[in-house]
């Protein structure tokens, strides 16, 4: 019997090969365009197709969390050959996914299931999941994994630059950054995640300046680039994301860098953007 199974949701935005390599179970959310419901699994709706539909849509799509039954089925399957489950998910302040996971845990009372609010999403959650899965594969104890998860949560910084605040505002995900008003179109805000929700970090006047500020913020927070664990992501801005990832490599020569794409669920609320998540080991 295996020891510990790692579960997350589709907002972790890892590559399929990463999920497969570490046997990470993904319980997907869904994206809804009108009457059309697409499971966020990269199959029902490819990311390139999603962003084209997002551009063409007269009304923004909505998103839906997995049901408790979705989690119950995933947990029951894993409990057949694992002693414990560590289930780590998108911030409770951004989605009801945590509620569904916790409901499933209650239904399966007596089973060893830990449900954790990452207080993050997309590549920040992805970095956390990768570390937990690596530790599980190495045979680390549940307590060791949980302690490391809490440590990474406490020191991970997420920064992102949306091309426009339109999607965050319409999707109701602007959180504590709601003081940024849409009429200030010349503002290019650098945003962050704080206490599980979107928060204003710094304002800039130009897109290029915002990217420079993001790089300089990383420099200000990282003491040793050789210990830097970082993910660079984009939402429908591949060339911008690739270029920023190269700047990160040249500046820090990080221990680990992951280049990823922001998926359909987070992309619905964020729109075109580039982002980073990082911590120092």
Protein backbone atom coordinates (compact mmCIF):
# COMPACT_ATOMS: atom_id res chain seq x y z
CA UNK A 1 0.00 0.00 0.00
CA UNK A 2 1.29 3.44 -0.88
CA UNK A 3 1.60 5.90 1.94
CA UNK A 4 0.41 9.38 0.97
CA UNK A 5 -1.62 10.56 -2.02
CA UNK A 6 -1.51 14.20 -3.13
CA UNK A 7 -4.68 15.81 -4.47
CA UNK A 8 -5.21 19.27 -5.92
CA UNK A 9 -7.57 21.04 -8.28
CA UNK A 10 -7.12 22.24 -11.84
CA UNK A 11 -6.16 25.78 -10.87
CA UNK A 12 -2.66 24.52 -9.95
CA UNK A 13 -1.89 24.87 -13.69
CA UNK A 14 0.87 22.28 -13.82
CA UNK A 15 1.74 20.44 -17.01
CA UNK A 16 0.17 17.03 -17.62
CA UNK A 17 3.56 15.36 -17.42
CA UNK A 18 4.14 16.81 -13.95
CA UNK A 19 0.83 15.45 -12.68
CA UNK A 20 1.68 12.05 -14.16
CA UNK A 21 5.28 11.95 -12.94
CA UNK A 22 4.23 12.36 -9.30
CA UNK A 23 0.82 10.64 -9.49
CA UNK A 24 -0.95 13.84 -8.47
CA UNK A 25 -4.73 13.54 -8.57
CA UNK A 26 -6.52 16.57 -10.02
CA UNK A 27 -10.17 17.33 -9.29
CA UNK A 28 -11.11 19.85 -12.01
CA UNK A 29 -13.23 22.96 -11.89
CA UNK A 30 -15.38 23.99 -14.87
CA UNK A 31 -15.74 27.00 -17.15
CA UNK A 32 -19.19 27.98 -18.44
CA UNK A 33 -19.82 29.94 -21.63
CA UNK A 34 -23.56 30.51 -21.75
CA UNK A 35 -25.09 27.02 -21.75
CA UNK A 36 -21.83 25.29 -22.62
CA UNK A 37 -19.97 23.74 -19.68
CA UNK A 38 -16.31 22.74 -20.13
CA UNK A 39 -14.35 20.71 -17.62
CA UNK A 40 -11.03 22.42 -16.93
CA UNK A 41 -8.92 19.43 -17.87
CA UNK A 42 -7.17 20.76 -20.97
CA UNK A 43 -9.12 18.31 -23.11
CA UNK A 44 -12.68 19.61 -23.16
CA UNK A 45 -11.33 23.06 -24.00
CA UNK A 46 -7.69 23.64 -24.97
CA UNK A 47 -6.18 26.76 -23.46
CA UNK A 48 -5.58 28.39 -26.84
CA UNK A 49 -9.21 27.79 -27.76
CA UNK A 50 -10.36 29.10 -24.39
CA UNK A 51 -8.54 32.42 -24.74
CA UNK A 52 -9.94 32.89 -28.23
CA UNK A 53 -13.45 32.24 -26.92
CA UNK A 54 -12.76 34.70 -24.09
CA UNK A 55 -11.81 37.39 -26.60
CA UNK A 56 -14.89 36.72 -28.71
CA UNK A 57 -17.38 36.43 -25.85
CA UNK A 58 -19.88 39.25 -25.43
CA UNK A 59 -20.36 38.16 -21.83
CA UNK A 60 -17.61 36.84 -19.58
CA UNK A 61 -17.82 33.12 -18.80
CA UNK A 62 -18.36 31.93 -15.26
CA UNK A 63 -16.57 29.20 -13.34
CA UNK A 64 -17.84 26.39 -11.15
CA UNK A 65 -16.17 24.46 -8.35
CA UNK A 66 -16.07 20.65 -8.21
CA UNK A 67 -18.89 19.06 -6.26
CA UNK A 68 -18.44 17.21 -2.96
CA UNK A 69 -19.29 14.03 -4.90
CA UNK A 70 -16.37 14.73 -7.27
CA UNK A 71 -14.01 14.81 -4.30
CA UNK A 72 -15.64 11.82 -2.61
CA UNK A 73 -15.06 9.67 -5.71
CA UNK A 74 -11.44 10.80 -5.99
CA UNK A 75 -10.76 10.22 -2.30
CA UNK A 76 -12.42 6.78 -2.24
CA UNK A 77 -10.36 5.63 -5.19
CA UNK A 78 -7.11 6.79 -3.58
CA UNK A 79 -7.93 5.31 -0.18
CA UNK A 80 -7.99 1.90 -1.84
CA UNK A 81 -4.20 1.92 -2.05
CA UNK A 82 -3.01 4.82 0.12
CA UNK A 83 -2.99 5.28 3.87
CA UNK A 84 -3.41 9.07 3.82
CA UNK A 85 -4.49 11.90 1.53
CA UNK A 86 -3.15 15.45 1.51
CA UNK A 87 -5.53 17.62 -0.52
CA UNK A 88 -4.34 21.17 -1.26
CA UNK A 89 -6.50 23.71 -3.06
CA UNK A 90 -7.18 27.19 -4.40
CA UNK A 91 -7.78 29.91 -1.81
CA UNK A 92 -11.13 29.68 -0.07
CA UNK A 93 -11.62 33.40 -0.75
CA UNK A 94 -11.49 32.76 -4.50
CA UNK A 95 -13.53 29.58 -4.87
CA UNK A 96 -15.87 27.18 -3.10
CA UNK A 97 -13.55 24.29 -3.96
CA UNK A 98 -12.33 24.03 -0.37
CA UNK A 99 -15.92 23.70 0.87
CA UNK A 100 -16.55 20.79 -1.49
CA UNK A 101 -13.35 19.05 -0.41
CA UNK A 102 -14.16 19.49 3.27
CA UNK A 103 -17.70 18.18 2.77
CA UNK A 104 -16.31 15.05 1.11
CA UNK A 105 -13.89 14.60 3.98
CA UNK A 106 -16.77 14.70 6.48
CA UNK A 107 -18.69 12.10 4.49
CA UNK A 108 -15.62 9.87 4.65
CA UNK A 109 -15.14 10.39 8.38
CA UNK A 110 -12.60 8.03 9.82
CA UNK A 111 -10.37 8.27 6.77
CA UNK A 112 -7.02 10.04 7.04
CA UNK A 113 -7.62 13.08 4.82
CA UNK A 114 -5.99 16.48 5.30
CA UNK A 115 -7.65 19.35 3.37
CA UNK A 116 -5.49 22.47 3.13
CA UNK A 117 -6.32 25.98 1.95
CA UNK A 118 -3.23 27.07 0.03
CA UNK A 119 -4.43 30.70 0.16
CA UNK A 120 -3.01 30.85 -3.35
CA UNK A 121 -3.83 29.75 -6.88
CA UNK A 122 -2.32 28.98 -10.31
CA UNK A 123 1.50 28.58 -10.41
CA UNK A 124 1.94 29.42 -6.70
CA UNK A 125 -0.34 26.50 -5.86
CA UNK A 126 1.52 24.50 -8.50
CA UNK A 127 4.90 25.06 -6.83
CA UNK A 128 3.40 23.99 -3.50
CA UNK A 129 1.87 20.86 -4.99
CA UNK A 130 5.12 19.87 -6.71
CA UNK A 131 7.04 20.03 -3.45
CA UNK A 132 4.41 18.04 -1.55
CA UNK A 133 4.30 15.42 -4.30
CA UNK A 134 8.11 15.13 -4.43
CA UNK A 135 8.18 14.56 -0.66
CA UNK A 136 5.43 11.94 -0.88
CA UNK A 137 7.38 10.14 -3.61
CA UNK A 138 10.46 10.19 -1.39
CA UNK A 139 8.52 8.49 1.40
CA UNK A 140 8.41 11.48 3.74
CA UNK A 141 5.88 11.35 6.56
CA UNK A 142 2.57 13.21 6.47
CA UNK A 143 3.77 15.47 9.28
CA UNK A 144 6.92 16.37 7.33
CA UNK A 145 4.87 17.19 4.25
CA UNK A 146 2.36 19.29 6.19
CA UNK A 147 5.12 21.24 7.94
CA UNK A 148 6.85 21.94 4.64
CA UNK A 149 3.58 23.03 3.03
CA UNK A 150 2.99 25.54 5.80
CA UNK A 151 6.57 26.81 5.51
CA UNK A 152 6.30 27.32 1.74
CA UNK A 153 2.90 28.98 2.13
CA UNK A 154 4.41 31.50 4.54
CA UNK A 155 7.27 32.51 2.27
CA UNK A 156 5.80 32.33 -1.25
CA UNK A 157 5.25 35.62 -3.08
CA UNK A 158 2.91 35.90 -6.05
CA UNK A 159 3.07 38.91 -8.38
CA UNK A 160 1.08 39.49 -11.54
CA UNK A 161 0.45 42.17 -14.10
CA UNK A 162 -2.90 42.09 -15.90
CA UNK A 163 -3.15 43.85 -19.23
CA UNK A 164 -6.47 45.20 -17.99
CA UNK A 165 -8.46 45.21 -14.74
CA UNK A 166 -11.63 44.50 -16.70
CA UNK A 167 -11.69 40.77 -16.03
CA UNK A 168 -10.88 41.02 -12.31
CA UNK A 169 -13.58 43.63 -11.83
CA UNK A 170 -16.29 41.85 -13.82
CA UNK A 171 -15.44 38.53 -12.23
CA UNK A 172 -15.59 39.97 -8.72
CA UNK A 173 -12.06 38.77 -7.87
CA UNK A 174 -10.38 42.12 -7.34
CA UNK A 175 -10.42 41.67 -3.55
CA UNK A 176 -8.49 44.28 -1.62
CA UNK A 177 -7.34 45.92 -4.86
CA UNK A 178 -10.84 47.26 -5.46
CA UNK A 179 -9.54 50.78 -4.82
CA UNK A 180 -8.07 50.68 -8.32
CA UNK A 181 -10.74 52.31 -10.44
CA UNK A 182 -11.32 51.41 -14.06
CA UNK A 183 -11.22 55.01 -15.21
CA UNK A 184 -7.49 55.13 -14.52
CA UNK A 185 -6.73 53.37 -17.77
CA UNK A 186 -3.16 54.59 -17.83
CA UNK A 187 -2.33 52.69 -14.64
CA UNK A 188 -0.55 49.35 -15.00
CA UNK A 189 -0.85 47.84 -11.53
CA UNK A 190 1.47 45.22 -10.10
CA UNK A 191 -0.82 43.00 -8.02
CA UNK A 192 -0.18 40.29 -5.46
CA UNK A 193 -2.01 37.71 -3.37
CA UNK A 194 -2.35 38.59 0.29
CA UNK A 195 -4.30 36.54 2.82
CA UNK A 196 -5.85 34.56 0.00
CA UNK A 197 -7.13 37.37 -2.19
CA UNK A 198 -5.98 39.84 -4.83
CA UNK A 199 -4.31 42.89 -3.35
CA UNK A 200 -2.65 45.97 -4.79
CA UNK A 201 1.14 45.84 -4.58
CA UNK A 202 2.36 48.81 -6.60
CA UNK A 203 1.15 51.08 -9.39
CA UNK A 204 3.14 51.87 -12.50
CA UNK A 205 2.38 53.94 -15.59
CA UNK A 206 3.63 51.65 -18.33
CA UNK A 207 3.59 47.95 -19.12
CA UNK A 208 7.39 47.87 -19.48
CA UNK A 209 7.78 49.62 -16.15
CA UNK A 210 5.48 47.12 -14.46
CA UNK A 211 7.63 44.21 -15.68
CA UNK A 212 10.80 45.93 -14.46
CA UNK A 213 9.18 46.57 -11.07
CA UNK A 214 8.24 42.89 -10.86
CA UNK A 215 11.83 41.81 -11.54
CA UNK A 216 13.21 44.35 -9.07
CA UNK A 217 10.74 43.18 -6.43
CA UNK A 218 12.03 39.63 -6.82
CA UNK A 219 15.60 40.93 -6.48
CA UNK A 220 14.63 42.75 -3.30
CA UNK A 221 13.15 39.65 -1.73
CA UNK A 222 15.64 36.99 -2.81
CA UNK A 223 18.95 36.79 -0.93
CA UNK A 224 20.47 33.82 -2.77
CA UNK A 225 19.45 33.17 -6.39
CA UNK A 226 20.87 29.64 -6.23
CA UNK A 227 18.07 28.77 -3.78
CA UNK A 228 15.31 30.43 -5.78
CA UNK A 229 12.29 28.31 -6.70
CA UNK A 230 10.22 30.24 -9.21
CA UNK A 231 7.39 29.82 -11.70
CA UNK A 232 6.76 32.23 -14.56
CA UNK A 233 3.31 32.08 -16.12
CA UNK A 234 1.31 33.85 -18.74
CA UNK A 235 -2.35 34.11 -19.67
CA UNK A 236 -2.50 34.45 -23.46
CA UNK A 237 0.80 36.37 -23.55
CA UNK A 238 3.28 33.65 -24.47
CA UNK A 239 6.02 35.84 -25.94
CA UNK A 240 5.86 38.19 -22.95
CA UNK A 241 6.06 35.25 -20.56
CA UNK A 242 8.97 33.66 -22.41
CA UNK A 243 10.89 36.94 -22.42
CA UNK A 244 10.33 37.48 -18.70
CA UNK A 245 11.44 33.93 -17.92
CA UNK A 246 14.69 34.62 -19.78
CA UNK A 247 15.23 37.78 -17.71
CA UNK A 248 14.74 35.72 -14.55
CA UNK A 249 17.25 33.10 -15.70
CA UNK A 250 19.85 35.73 -16.59
CA UNK A 251 19.36 37.66 -13.35
CA UNK A 252 19.21 34.84 -10.81
CA UNK A 253 20.30 31.51 -12.34
CA UNK A 254 17.62 29.97 -10.09
CA UNK A 255 17.71 26.51 -8.58
CA UNK A 256 14.38 25.73 -10.24
CA UNK A 257 12.33 27.63 -12.79
CA UNK A 258 9.00 26.48 -14.16
CA UNK A 259 7.46 28.05 -17.22
CA UNK A 260 3.73 27.51 -17.27
CA UNK A 261 0.42 28.79 -18.62
CA UNK A 262 -2.44 30.18 -16.60
CA UNK A 263 -5.44 27.95 -17.19
CA UNK A 264 -9.06 28.55 -18.03
CA UNK A 265 -10.45 29.09 -14.54
CA UNK A 266 -7.94 31.70 -13.37
CA UNK A 267 -7.75 33.13 -16.89
CA UNK A 268 -11.50 33.81 -16.81
CA UNK A 269 -11.05 36.19 -13.91
CA UNK A 270 -7.61 37.56 -14.82
CA UNK A 271 -7.59 37.96 -18.59
CA UNK A 272 -4.28 38.42 -20.45
CA UNK A 273 -1.43 38.73 -17.94
CA UNK A 274 2.03 37.64 -16.90
CA UNK A 275 2.80 36.43 -13.39
CA UNK A 276 5.43 34.94 -11.11
CA UNK A 277 5.37 32.95 -7.91
CA UNK A 278 8.53 32.26 -5.97
CA UNK A 279 10.15 31.31 -2.69
CA UNK A 280 13.68 30.69 -1.42
CA UNK A 281 14.53 27.22 -0.21
